[in-house]
Amino acid sequence: MTNLLRETARDVTVNGAGNGAPDAPVTSPARGGFSRFWCTLRQTFHEVVAAIFAVLALAWLQSAIRACTRDVSRWLIGAAFGVAVLLAVFAWTSFRRSRQLRW
């Protein structure tokens, strides 16, 4: 028995009632209005949070650059750069999560 015949026979025995005709493909039910609204709201929330993190990262980066031009200790400059990088990572992951939501 070839592979194609084996798959066809398995589909008929699993999906069909044994009468030789496979059932119609299984489809998911249509999503309701609230479900679509909730998914849209979640995606918008993640995008807004990503934008806020990005603005905060730019503000911390600007603060770190300004501290470099003034007489500030090195660990404060490093801490400001570290916080800017951390906020940028949070912005990136939040934006990626908004694009990976399942509909």
PDB file of N, CA and C in Angstrom:
ATOM      1  N   MET A   1       0.860  -1.177   0.000  1.00  0.00           N
ATOM      2  CA  MET A   1       0.000   0.000   0.000  1.00  0.00           C
ATOM      3  C   MET A   1       0.900   1.232   0.000  1.00  0.00           C
ATOM      4  N   THR A   2       0.683   2.132  -0.925  1.00  0.00           N
ATOM      5  CA  THR A   2       1.517   3.323  -1.009  1.00  0.00           C
ATOM      6  C   THR A   2       1.147   4.300   0.099  1.00  0.00           C
ATOM      7  N   ASN A   3       1.993   5.298   0.268  1.00  0.00           N
ATOM      8  CA  ASN A   3       1.786   6.281   1.324  1.00  0.00           C
ATOM      9  C   ASN A   3       0.498   7.061   1.110  1.00  0.00           C
ATOM     10  N   LEU A   4       0.205   7.427  -0.132  1.00  0.00           N
ATOM     11  CA  LEU A   4      -1.010   8.181  -0.433  1.00  0.00           C
ATOM     12  C   LEU A   4      -2.262   7.365  -0.101  1.00  0.00           C
ATOM     13  N   LEU A   5      -2.241   6.079  -0.468  1.00  0.00           N
ATOM     14  CA  LEU A   5      -3.386   5.221  -0.150  1.00  0.00           C
ATOM     15  C   LEU A   5      -3.528   5.030   1.351  1.00  0.00           C
ATOM     16  N   ARG A   6      -2.411   4.934   2.049  1.00  0.00           N
ATOM     17  CA  ARG A   6      -2.451   4.765   3.491  1.00  0.00           C
ATOM     18  C   ARG A   6      -3.085   5.985   4.156  1.00  0.00           C
ATOM     19  N   GLU A   7      -2.676   7.200   3.712  1.00  0.00           N
ATOM     20  CA  GLU A   7      -3.250   8.415   4.284  1.00  0.00           C
ATOM     21  C   GLU A   7      -4.731   8.528   3.951  1.00  0.00           C
ATOM     22  N   THR A   8      -5.128   8.177   2.746  1.00  0.00           N
ATOM     23  CA  THR A   8      -6.535   8.239   2.363  1.00  0.00           C
ATOM     24  C   THR A   8      -7.358   7.258   3.186  1.00  0.00           C
ATOM     25  N   ALA A   9      -6.840   6.055   3.383  1.00  0.00           N
ATOM     26  CA  ALA A   9      -7.559   5.059   4.175  1.00  0.00           C
ATOM     27  C   ALA A   9      -7.674   5.523   5.619  1.00  0.00           C
ATOM     28  N   ARG A  10      -6.608   6.142   6.156  1.00  0.00           N
ATOM     29  CA  ARG A  10      -6.657   6.618   7.534  1.00  0.00           C
ATOM     30  C   ARG A  10      -7.660   7.753   7.659  1.00  0.00           C
ATOM     31  N   ASP A  11      -7.707   8.664   6.667  1.00  0.00           N
ATOM     32  CA  ASP A  11      -8.667   9.763   6.705  1.00  0.00           C
ATOM     33  C   ASP A  11     -10.100   9.247   6.681  1.00  0.00           C
ATOM     34  N   VAL A  12     -10.365   8.218   5.888  1.00  0.00           N
ATOM     35  CA  VAL A  12     -11.721   7.680   5.783  1.00  0.00           C
ATOM     36  C   VAL A  12     -12.112   7.002   7.079  1.00  0.00           C
ATOM     37  N   THR A  13     -11.194   6.259   7.691  1.00  0.00           N
ATOM     38  CA  THR A  13     -11.552   5.553   8.917  1.00  0.00           C
ATOM     39  C   THR A  13     -11.629   6.489  10.105  1.00  0.00           C
ATOM     40  N   VAL A  14     -10.799   7.530  10.131  1.00  0.00           N
ATOM     41  CA  VAL A  14     -10.822   8.447  11.269  1.00  0.00           C
ATOM     42  C   VAL A  14     -11.933   9.468  11.111  1.00  0.00           C
ATOM     43  N   ASN A  15     -12.010  10.090   9.935  1.00  0.00           N
ATOM     44  CA  ASN A  15     -12.963  11.179   9.740  1.00  0.00           C
ATOM     45  C   ASN A  15     -14.337  10.695   9.312  1.00  0.00           C
ATOM     46  N   GLY A  16     -14.370   9.683   8.509  1.00  0.00           N
ATOM     47  CA  GLY A  16     -15.645   9.242   7.963  1.00  0.00           C
ATOM     48  C   GLY A  16     -16.313   8.208   8.851  1.00  0.00           C
ATOM     49  N   ALA A  17     -17.486   7.868   8.456  1.00  0.00           N
ATOM     50  CA  ALA A  17     -18.238   6.862   9.197  1.00  0.00           C
ATOM     51  C   ALA A  17     -17.992   5.480   8.617  1.00  0.00           C
ATOM     52  N   GLY A  18     -16.957   5.334   7.815  1.00  0.00           N
ATOM     53  CA  GLY A  18     -16.659   4.051   7.214  1.00  0.00           C
ATOM     54  C   GLY A  18     -17.375   3.828   5.902  1.00  0.00           C
ATOM     55  N   ASN A  19     -18.049   4.858   5.397  1.00  0.00           N
ATOM     56  CA  ASN A  19     -18.786   4.693   4.153  1.00  0.00           C
ATOM     57  C   ASN A  19     -17.950   5.053   2.933  1.00  0.00           C
ATOM     58  N   GLY A  20     -16.666   5.374   3.128  1.00  0.00           N
ATOM     59  CA  GLY A  20     -15.771   5.637   2.019  1.00  0.00           C
ATOM     60  C   GLY A  20     -15.626   7.101   1.661  1.00  0.00           C
ATOM     61  N   ALA A  21     -16.421   7.996   2.256  1.00  0.00           N
ATOM     62  CA  ALA A  21     -16.316   9.423   1.947  1.00  0.00           C
ATOM     63  C   ALA A  21     -15.816  10.171   3.179  1.00  0.00           C
ATOM     64  N   PRO A  22     -14.744  10.915   3.042  1.00  0.00           N
ATOM     65  CA  PRO A  22     -14.258  11.665   4.210  1.00  0.00           C
ATOM     66  C   PRO A  22     -15.192  12.822   4.544  1.00  0.00           C
ATOM     67  N   ASP A  23     -15.168  13.210   5.806  1.00  0.00           N
ATOM     68  CA  ASP A  23     -15.988  14.335   6.257  1.00  0.00           C
ATOM     69  C   ASP A  23     -15.443  15.639   5.698  1.00  0.00           C
ATOM     70  N   ALA A  24     -16.234  16.684   5.814  1.00  0.00           N
ATOM     71  CA  ALA A  24     -15.803  18.016   5.403  1.00  0.00           C
ATOM     72  C   ALA A  24     -14.688  18.487   6.336  1.00  0.00           C
ATOM     73  N   PRO A  25     -13.822  19.369   5.872  1.00  0.00           N
ATOM     74  CA  PRO A  25     -12.755  19.852   6.746  1.00  0.00           C
ATOM     75  C   PRO A  25     -13.323  20.570   7.959  1.00  0.00           C
ATOM     76  N   VAL A  26     -12.640  20.414   9.052  1.00  0.00           N
ATOM     77  CA  VAL A  26     -13.084  21.014  10.304  1.00  0.00           C
ATOM     78  C   VAL A  26     -12.646  22.470  10.303  1.00  0.00           C
ATOM     79  N   THR A  27     -13.561  23.366  10.537  1.00  0.00           N
ATOM     80  CA  THR A  27     -13.254  24.786  10.608  1.00  0.00           C
ATOM     81  C   THR A  27     -13.657  25.297  11.973  1.00  0.00           C
ATOM     82  N   SER A  28     -12.959  26.328  12.424  1.00  0.00           N
ATOM     83  CA  SER A  28     -13.299  26.909  13.714  1.00  0.00           C
ATOM     84  C   SER A  28     -14.508  27.823  13.546  1.00  0.00           C
ATOM     85  N   PRO A  29     -15.298  27.954  14.590  1.00  0.00           N
ATOM     86  CA  PRO A  29     -16.465  28.834  14.489  1.00  0.00           C
ATOM     87  C   PRO A  29     -16.028  30.287  14.348  1.00  0.00           C
ATOM     88  N   ALA A  30     -16.904  31.094  13.793  1.00  0.00           N
ATOM     89  CA  ALA A  30     -16.596  32.510  13.605  1.00  0.00           C
ATOM     90  C   ALA A  30     -16.422  33.178  14.964  1.00  0.00           C
ATOM     91  N   ARG A  31     -15.464  34.074  15.028  1.00  0.00           N
ATOM     92  CA  ARG A  31     -15.203  34.780  16.280  1.00  0.00           C
ATOM     93  C   ARG A  31     -16.254  35.858  16.480  1.00  0.00           C
ATOM     94  N   GLY A  32     -16.690  35.995  17.711  1.00  0.00           N
ATOM     95  CA  GLY A  32     -17.709  36.987  18.026  1.00  0.00           C
ATOM     96  C   GLY A  32     -17.151  38.390  18.068  1.00  0.00           C
ATOM     97  N   GLY A  33     -18.032  39.339  18.244  1.00  0.00           N
ATOM     98  CA  GLY A  33     -17.632  40.739  18.270  1.00  0.00           C
ATOM     99  C   GLY A  33     -16.746  41.087  19.440  1.00  0.00           C
ATOM    100  N   PHE A  34     -17.056  40.557  20.627  1.00  0.00           N
ATOM    101  CA  PHE A  34     -16.250  40.876  21.806  1.00  0.00           C
ATOM    102  C   PHE A  34     -14.862  40.272  21.697  1.00  0.00           C
ATOM    103  N   SER A  35     -14.762  39.095  21.130  1.00  0.00           N
ATOM    104  CA  SER A  35     -13.456  38.451  20.989  1.00  0.00           C
ATOM    105  C   SER A  35     -12.543  39.261  20.072  1.00  0.00           C
ATOM    106  N   ARG A  36     -13.086  39.735  18.970  1.00  0.00           N
ATOM    107  CA  ARG A  36     -12.290  40.575  18.070  1.00  0.00           C
ATOM    108  C   ARG A  36     -11.918  41.886  18.740  1.00  0.00           C
ATOM    109  N   PHE A  37     -12.861  42.464  19.487  1.00  0.00           N
ATOM    110  CA  PHE A  37     -12.580  43.701  20.207  1.00  0.00           C
ATOM    111  C   PHE A  37     -11.481  43.491  21.238  1.00  0.00           C
ATOM    112  N   TRP A  38     -11.525  42.379  21.959  1.00  0.00           N
ATOM    113  CA  TRP A  38     -10.533  42.092  22.988  1.00  0.00           C
ATOM    114  C   TRP A  38      -9.141  41.915  22.373  1.00  0.00           C
ATOM    115  N   CYS A  39      -9.054  41.205  21.254  1.00  0.00           N
ATOM    116  CA  CYS A  39      -7.760  41.024  20.592  1.00  0.00           C
ATOM    117  C   CYS A  39      -7.212  42.359  20.099  1.00  0.00           C
ATOM    118  N   THR A  40      -8.081  43.198  19.554  1.00  0.00           N
ATOM    119  CA  THR A  40      -7.646  44.518  19.101  1.00  0.00           C
ATOM    120  C   THR A  40      -7.187  45.366  20.270  1.00  0.00           C
ATOM    121  N   LEU A  41      -7.907  45.292  21.378  1.00  0.00           N
ATOM    122  CA  LEU A  41      -7.537  46.048  22.568  1.00  0.00           C
ATOM    123  C   LEU A  41      -6.193  45.584  23.120  1.00  0.00           C
ATOM    124  N   ARG A  42      -5.964  44.275  23.143  1.00  0.00           N
ATOM    125  CA  ARG A  42      -4.678  43.759  23.632  1.00  0.00           C
ATOM    126  C   ARG A  42      -3.531  44.199  22.737  1.00  0.00           C
ATOM    127  N   GLN A  43      -3.731  44.153  21.429  1.00  0.00           N
ATOM    128  CA  GLN A  43      -2.671  44.567  20.512  1.00  0.00           C
ATOM    129  C   GLN A  43      -2.375  46.057  20.676  1.00  0.00           C
ATOM    130  N   THR A  44      -3.408  46.864  20.803  1.00  0.00           N
ATOM    131  CA  THR A  44      -3.218  48.295  21.000  1.00  0.00           C
ATOM    132  C   THR A  44      -2.496  48.568  22.309  1.00  0.00           C
ATOM    133  N   PHE A  45      -2.849  47.836  23.366  1.00  0.00           N
ATOM    134  CA  PHE A  45      -2.182  48.010  24.654  1.00  0.00           C
ATOM    135  C   PHE A  45      -0.694  47.720  24.536  1.00  0.00           C
ATOM    136  N   HIS A  46      -0.334  46.607  23.889  1.00  0.00           N
ATOM    137  CA  HIS A  46       1.078  46.255  23.750  1.00  0.00           C
ATOM    138  C   HIS A  46       1.828  47.291  22.913  1.00  0.00           C
ATOM    139  N   GLU A  47       1.194  47.825  21.889  1.00  0.00           N
ATOM    140  CA  GLU A  47       1.860  48.835  21.070  1.00  0.00           C
ATOM    141  C   GLU A  47       2.042  50.139  21.831  1.00  0.00           C
ATOM    142  N   VAL A  48       1.059  50.530  22.636  1.00  0.00           N
ATOM    143  CA  VAL A  48       1.187  51.753  23.434  1.00  0.00           C
ATOM    144  C   VAL A  48       2.274  51.587  24.489  1.00  0.00           C
ATOM    145  N   VAL A  49       2.309  50.443  25.137  1.00  0.00           N
ATOM    146  CA  VAL A  49       3.350  50.189  26.141  1.00  0.00           C
ATOM    147  C   VAL A  49       4.732  50.212  25.483  1.00  0.00           C
ATOM    148  N   ALA A  50       4.846  49.638  24.288  1.00  0.00           N
ATOM    149  CA  ALA A  50       6.123  49.661  23.575  1.00  0.00           C
ATOM    150  C   ALA A  50       6.539  51.090  23.248  1.00  0.00           C
ATOM    151  N   ALA A  51       5.594  51.915  22.843  1.00  0.00           N
ATOM    152  CA  ALA A  51       5.916  53.309  22.532  1.00  0.00           C
ATOM    153  C   ALA A  51       6.361  54.067  23.780  1.00  0.00           C
ATOM    154  N   ILE A  52       5.712  53.806  24.905  1.00  0.00           N
ATOM    155  CA  ILE A  52       6.100  54.461  26.159  1.00  0.00           C
ATOM    156  C   ILE A  52       7.507  54.029  26.567  1.00  0.00           C
ATOM    157  N   PHE A  53       7.795  52.735  26.473  1.00  0.00           N
ATOM    158  CA  PHE A  53       9.141  52.260  26.802  1.00  0.00           C
ATOM    159  C   PHE A  53      10.181  52.865  25.863  1.00  0.00           C
ATOM    160  N   ALA A  54       9.853  53.008  24.589  1.00  0.00           N
ATOM    161  CA  ALA A  54      10.801  53.586  23.636  1.00  0.00           C
ATOM    162  C   ALA A  54      11.090  55.056  23.964  1.00  0.00           C
ATOM    163  N   VAL A  55      10.060  55.805  24.319  1.00  0.00           N
ATOM    164  CA  VAL A  55      10.260  57.211  24.691  1.00  0.00           C
ATOM    165  C   VAL A  55      11.098  57.305  25.963  1.00  0.00           C
ATOM    166  N   LEU A  56      10.818  56.451  26.939  1.00  0.00           N
ATOM    167  CA  LEU A  56      11.620  56.457  28.167  1.00  0.00           C
ATOM    168  C   LEU A  56      13.070  56.061  27.886  1.00  0.00           C
ATOM    169  N   ALA A  57      13.279  55.103  26.983  1.00  0.00           N
ATOM    170  CA  ALA A  57      14.648  54.701  26.637  1.00  0.00           C
ATOM    171  C   ALA A  57      15.393  55.868  25.997  1.00  0.00           C
ATOM    172  N   LEU A  58      14.724  56.596  25.116  1.00  0.00           N
ATOM    173  CA  LEU A  58      15.375  57.757  24.499  1.00  0.00           C
ATOM    174  C   LEU A  58      15.681  58.839  25.528  1.00  0.00           C
ATOM    175  N   ALA A  59      14.791  59.021  26.484  1.00  0.00           N
ATOM    176  CA  ALA A  59      15.034  60.023  27.530  1.00  0.00           C
ATOM    177  C   ALA A  59      16.237  59.629  28.391  1.00  0.00           C
ATOM    178  N   TRP A  60      16.337  58.354  28.750  1.00  0.00           N
ATOM    179  CA  TRP A  60      17.481  57.899  29.537  1.00  0.00           C
ATOM    180  C   TRP A  60      18.771  57.966  28.728  1.00  0.00           C
ATOM    181  N   LEU A  61      18.704  57.671  27.449  1.00  0.00           N
ATOM    182  CA  LEU A  61      19.883  57.768  26.599  1.00  0.00           C
ATOM    183  C   LEU A  61      20.347  59.220  26.490  1.00  0.00           C
ATOM    184  N   GLN A  62      19.405  60.121  26.334  1.00  0.00           N
ATOM    185  CA  GLN A  62      19.745  61.540  26.280  1.00  0.00           C
ATOM    186  C   GLN A  62      20.355  62.000  27.604  1.00  0.00           C
ATOM    187  N   SER A  63      19.829  61.500  28.709  1.00  0.00           N
ATOM    188  CA  SER A  63      20.381  61.840  30.018  1.00  0.00           C
ATOM    189  C   SER A  63      21.804  61.302  30.172  1.00  0.00           C
ATOM    190  N   ALA A  64      22.039  60.093  29.666  1.00  0.00           N
ATOM    191  CA  ALA A  64      23.382  59.516  29.749  1.00  0.00           C
ATOM    192  C   ALA A  64      24.367  60.300  28.891  1.00  0.00           C
ATOM    193  N   ILE A  65      23.938  60.725  27.703  1.00  0.00           N
ATOM    194  CA  ILE A  65      24.821  61.511  26.847  1.00  0.00           C
ATOM    195  C   ILE A  65      25.109  62.868  27.473  1.00  0.00           C
ATOM    196  N   ARG A  66      24.105  63.464  28.063  1.00  0.00           N
ATOM    197  CA  ARG A  66      24.317  64.743  28.739  1.00  0.00           C
ATOM    198  C   ARG A  66      25.262  64.580  29.932  1.00  0.00           C
ATOM    199  N   ALA A  67      25.156  63.455  30.630  1.00  0.00           N
ATOM    200  CA  ALA A  67      26.041  63.225  31.771  1.00  0.00           C
ATOM    201  C   ALA A  67      27.492  63.031  31.319  1.00  0.00           C
ATOM    202  N   CYS A  68      27.687  62.524  30.113  1.00  0.00           N
ATOM    203  CA  CYS A  68      29.054  62.347  29.600  1.00  0.00           C
ATOM    204  C   CYS A  68      29.751  63.682  29.399  1.00  0.00           C
ATOM    205  N   THR A  69      28.999  64.707  29.039  1.00  0.00           N
ATOM    206  CA  THR A  69      29.602  66.015  28.779  1.00  0.00           C
ATOM    207  C   THR A  69      29.818  66.811  30.060  1.00  0.00           C
ATOM    208  N   ARG A  70      29.261  66.370  31.145  1.00  0.00           N
ATOM    209  CA  ARG A  70      29.422  67.080  32.414  1.00  0.00           C
ATOM    210  C   ARG A  70      30.333  66.281  33.341  1.00  0.00           C
ATOM    211  N   ASP A  71      30.604  66.818  34.473  1.00  0.00           N
ATOM    212  CA  ASP A  71      31.490  66.160  35.434  1.00  0.00           C
ATOM    213  C   ASP A  71      30.651  65.232  36.331  1.00  0.00           C
ATOM    214  N   VAL A  72      30.364  64.040  35.797  1.00  0.00           N
ATOM    215  CA  VAL A  72      29.556  63.056  36.516  1.00  0.00           C
ATOM    216  C   VAL A  72      30.373  61.776  36.623  1.00  0.00           C
ATOM    217  N   SER A  73      30.194  61.063  37.718  1.00  0.00           N
ATOM    218  CA  SER A  73      30.965  59.828  37.903  1.00  0.00           C
ATOM    219  C   SER A  73      30.582  58.791  36.833  1.00  0.00           C
ATOM    220  N   ARG A  74      31.538  57.912  36.534  1.00  0.00           N
ATOM    221  CA  ARG A  74      31.365  56.939  35.455  1.00  0.00           C
ATOM    222  C   ARG A  74      30.245  55.945  35.731  1.00  0.00           C
ATOM    223  N   TRP A  75      30.049  55.573  36.993  1.00  0.00           N
ATOM    224  CA  TRP A  75      29.026  54.568  37.277  1.00  0.00           C
ATOM    225  C   TRP A  75      27.627  55.126  37.033  1.00  0.00           C
ATOM    226  N   LEU A  76      27.442  56.428  37.219  1.00  0.00           N
ATOM    227  CA  LEU A  76      26.137  57.021  36.918  1.00  0.00           C
ATOM    228  C   LEU A  76      25.871  57.026  35.413  1.00  0.00           C
ATOM    229  N   ILE A  77      26.917  57.283  34.639  1.00  0.00           N
ATOM    230  CA  ILE A  77      26.763  57.244  33.186  1.00  0.00           C
ATOM    231  C   ILE A  77      26.448  55.819  32.739  1.00  0.00           C
ATOM    232  N   GLY A  78      27.163  54.849  33.312  1.00  0.00           N
ATOM    233  CA  GLY A  78      26.910  53.441  32.977  1.00  0.00           C
ATOM    234  C   GLY A  78      25.514  52.999  33.389  1.00  0.00           C
ATOM    235  N   ALA A  79      25.068  53.469  34.552  1.00  0.00           N
ATOM    236  CA  ALA A  79      23.717  53.115  35.003  1.00  0.00           C
ATOM    237  C   ALA A  79      22.661  53.700  34.069  1.00  0.00           C
ATOM    238  N   ALA A  80      22.875  54.932  33.619  1.00  0.00           N
ATOM    239  CA  ALA A  80      21.914  55.555  32.704  1.00  0.00           C
ATOM    240  C   ALA A  80      21.886  54.804  31.366  1.00  0.00           C
ATOM    241  N   PHE A  81      23.059  54.430  30.858  1.00  0.00           N
ATOM    242  CA  PHE A  81      23.092  53.642  29.620  1.00  0.00           C
ATOM    243  C   PHE A  81      22.429  52.279  29.825  1.00  0.00           C
ATOM    244  N   GLY A  82      22.670  51.660  30.972  1.00  0.00           N
ATOM    245  CA  GLY A  82      22.059  50.357  31.262  1.00  0.00           C
ATOM    246  C   GLY A  82      20.545  50.429  31.305  1.00  0.00           C
ATOM    247  N   VAL A  83      20.016  51.450  31.950  1.00  0.00           N
ATOM    248  CA  VAL A  83      18.561  51.615  32.021  1.00  0.00           C
ATOM    249  C   VAL A  83      17.998  51.894  30.625  1.00  0.00           C
ATOM    250  N   ALA A  84      18.718  52.679  29.827  1.00  0.00           N
ATOM    251  CA  ALA A  84      18.257  52.969  28.464  1.00  0.00           C
ATOM    252  C   ALA A  84      18.204  51.694  27.632  1.00  0.00           C
ATOM    253  N   VAL A  85      19.209  50.845  27.763  1.00  0.00           N
ATOM    254  CA  VAL A  85      19.218  49.585  27.017  1.00  0.00           C
ATOM    255  C   VAL A  85      18.090  48.679  27.496  1.00  0.00           C
ATOM    256  N   LEU A  86      17.899  48.603  28.804  1.00  0.00           N
ATOM    257  CA  LEU A  86      16.835  47.769  29.360  1.00  0.00           C
ATOM    258  C   LEU A  86      15.456  48.222  28.873  1.00  0.00           C
ATOM    259  N   LEU A  87      15.217  49.510  28.872  1.00  0.00           N
ATOM    260  CA  LEU A  87      13.935  50.027  28.393  1.00  0.00           C
ATOM    261  C   LEU A  87      13.768  49.796  26.895  1.00  0.00           C
ATOM    262  N   ALA A  88      14.862  49.872  26.146  1.00  0.00           N
ATOM    263  CA  ALA A  88      14.778  49.590  24.707  1.00  0.00           C
ATOM    264  C   ALA A  88      14.433  48.126  24.461  1.00  0.00           C
ATOM    265  N   VAL A  89      14.984  47.232  25.259  1.00  0.00           N
ATOM    266  CA  VAL A  89      14.648  45.806  25.129  1.00  0.00           C
ATOM    267  C   VAL A  89      13.180  45.575  25.482  1.00  0.00           C
ATOM    268  N   PHE A  90      12.709  46.218  26.537  1.00  0.00           N
ATOM    269  CA  PHE A  90      11.296  46.098  26.891  1.00  0.00           C
ATOM    270  C   PHE A  90      10.405  46.608  25.759  1.00  0.00           C
ATOM    271  N   ALA A  91      10.793  47.733  25.137  1.00  0.00           N
ATOM    272  CA  ALA A  91      10.008  48.281  24.029  1.00  0.00           C
ATOM    273  C   ALA A  91       9.990  47.302  22.863  1.00  0.00           C
ATOM    274  N   TRP A  92      11.132  46.735  22.536  1.00  0.00           N
ATOM    275  CA  TRP A  92      11.209  45.803  21.408  1.00  0.00           C
ATOM    276  C   TRP A  92      10.359  44.562  21.654  1.00  0.00           C
ATOM    277  N   THR A  93      10.481  43.968  22.856  1.00  0.00           N
ATOM    278  CA  THR A  93       9.718  42.747  23.131  1.00  0.00           C
ATOM    279  C   THR A  93       8.220  43.023  23.206  1.00  0.00           C
ATOM    280  N   SER A  94       7.841  44.167  23.728  1.00  0.00           N
ATOM    281  CA  SER A  94       6.413  44.486  23.788  1.00  0.00           C
ATOM    282  C   SER A  94       5.852  44.711  22.388  1.00  0.00           C
ATOM    283  N   PHE A  95       6.621  45.367  21.530  1.00  0.00           N
ATOM    284  CA  PHE A  95       6.158  45.565  20.165  1.00  0.00           C
ATOM    285  C   PHE A  95       6.077  44.233  19.422  1.00  0.00           C
ATOM    286  N   ARG A  96       7.040  43.349  19.618  1.00  0.00           N
ATOM    287  CA  ARG A  96       7.002  42.035  18.978  1.00  0.00           C
ATOM    288  C   ARG A  96       5.814  41.221  19.481  1.00  0.00           C
ATOM    289  N   ARG A  97       5.518  41.331  20.765  1.00  0.00           N
ATOM    290  CA  ARG A  97       4.381  40.592  21.316  1.00  0.00           C
ATOM    291  C   ARG A  97       3.067  41.098  20.733  1.00  0.00           C
ATOM    292  N   SER A  98       2.984  42.388  20.460  1.00  0.00           N
ATOM    293  CA  SER A  98       1.749  42.910  19.870  1.00  0.00           C
ATOM    294  C   SER A  98       1.544  42.363  18.467  1.00  0.00           C
ATOM    295  N   ARG A  99       2.611  42.040  17.773  1.00  0.00           N
ATOM    296  CA  ARG A  99       2.508  41.487  16.422  1.00  0.00           C
ATOM    297  C   ARG A  99       2.313  39.977  16.430  1.00  0.00           C
ATOM    298  N   GLN A 100       2.544  39.316  17.552  1.00  0.00           N
ATOM    299  CA  GLN A 100       2.453  37.854  17.597  1.00  0.00           C
ATOM    300  C   GLN A 100       1.181  37.353  18.269  1.00  0.00           C
ATOM    301  N   LEU A 101       0.241  38.239  18.545  1.00  0.00           N
ATOM    302  CA  LEU A 101      -0.998  37.800  19.174  1.00  0.00           C
ATOM    303  C   LEU A 101      -1.780  36.920  18.216  1.00  0.00           C
ATOM    304  N   ARG A 102      -2.430  35.924  18.749  1.00  0.00           N
ATOM    305  CA  ARG A 102      -3.226  35.021  17.904  1.00  0.00           C
ATOM    306  C   ARG A 102      -4.634  35.575  17.762  1.00  0.00           C
ATOM    307  N   TRP A 103      -5.102  35.553  16.541  1.00  0.00           N
ATOM    308  CA  TRP A 103      -6.442  36.060  16.272  1.00  0.00           C
ATOM    309  C   TRP A 103      -7.411  34.968  16.331  1.00  0.00           C
TER     310      TRP A 103
END
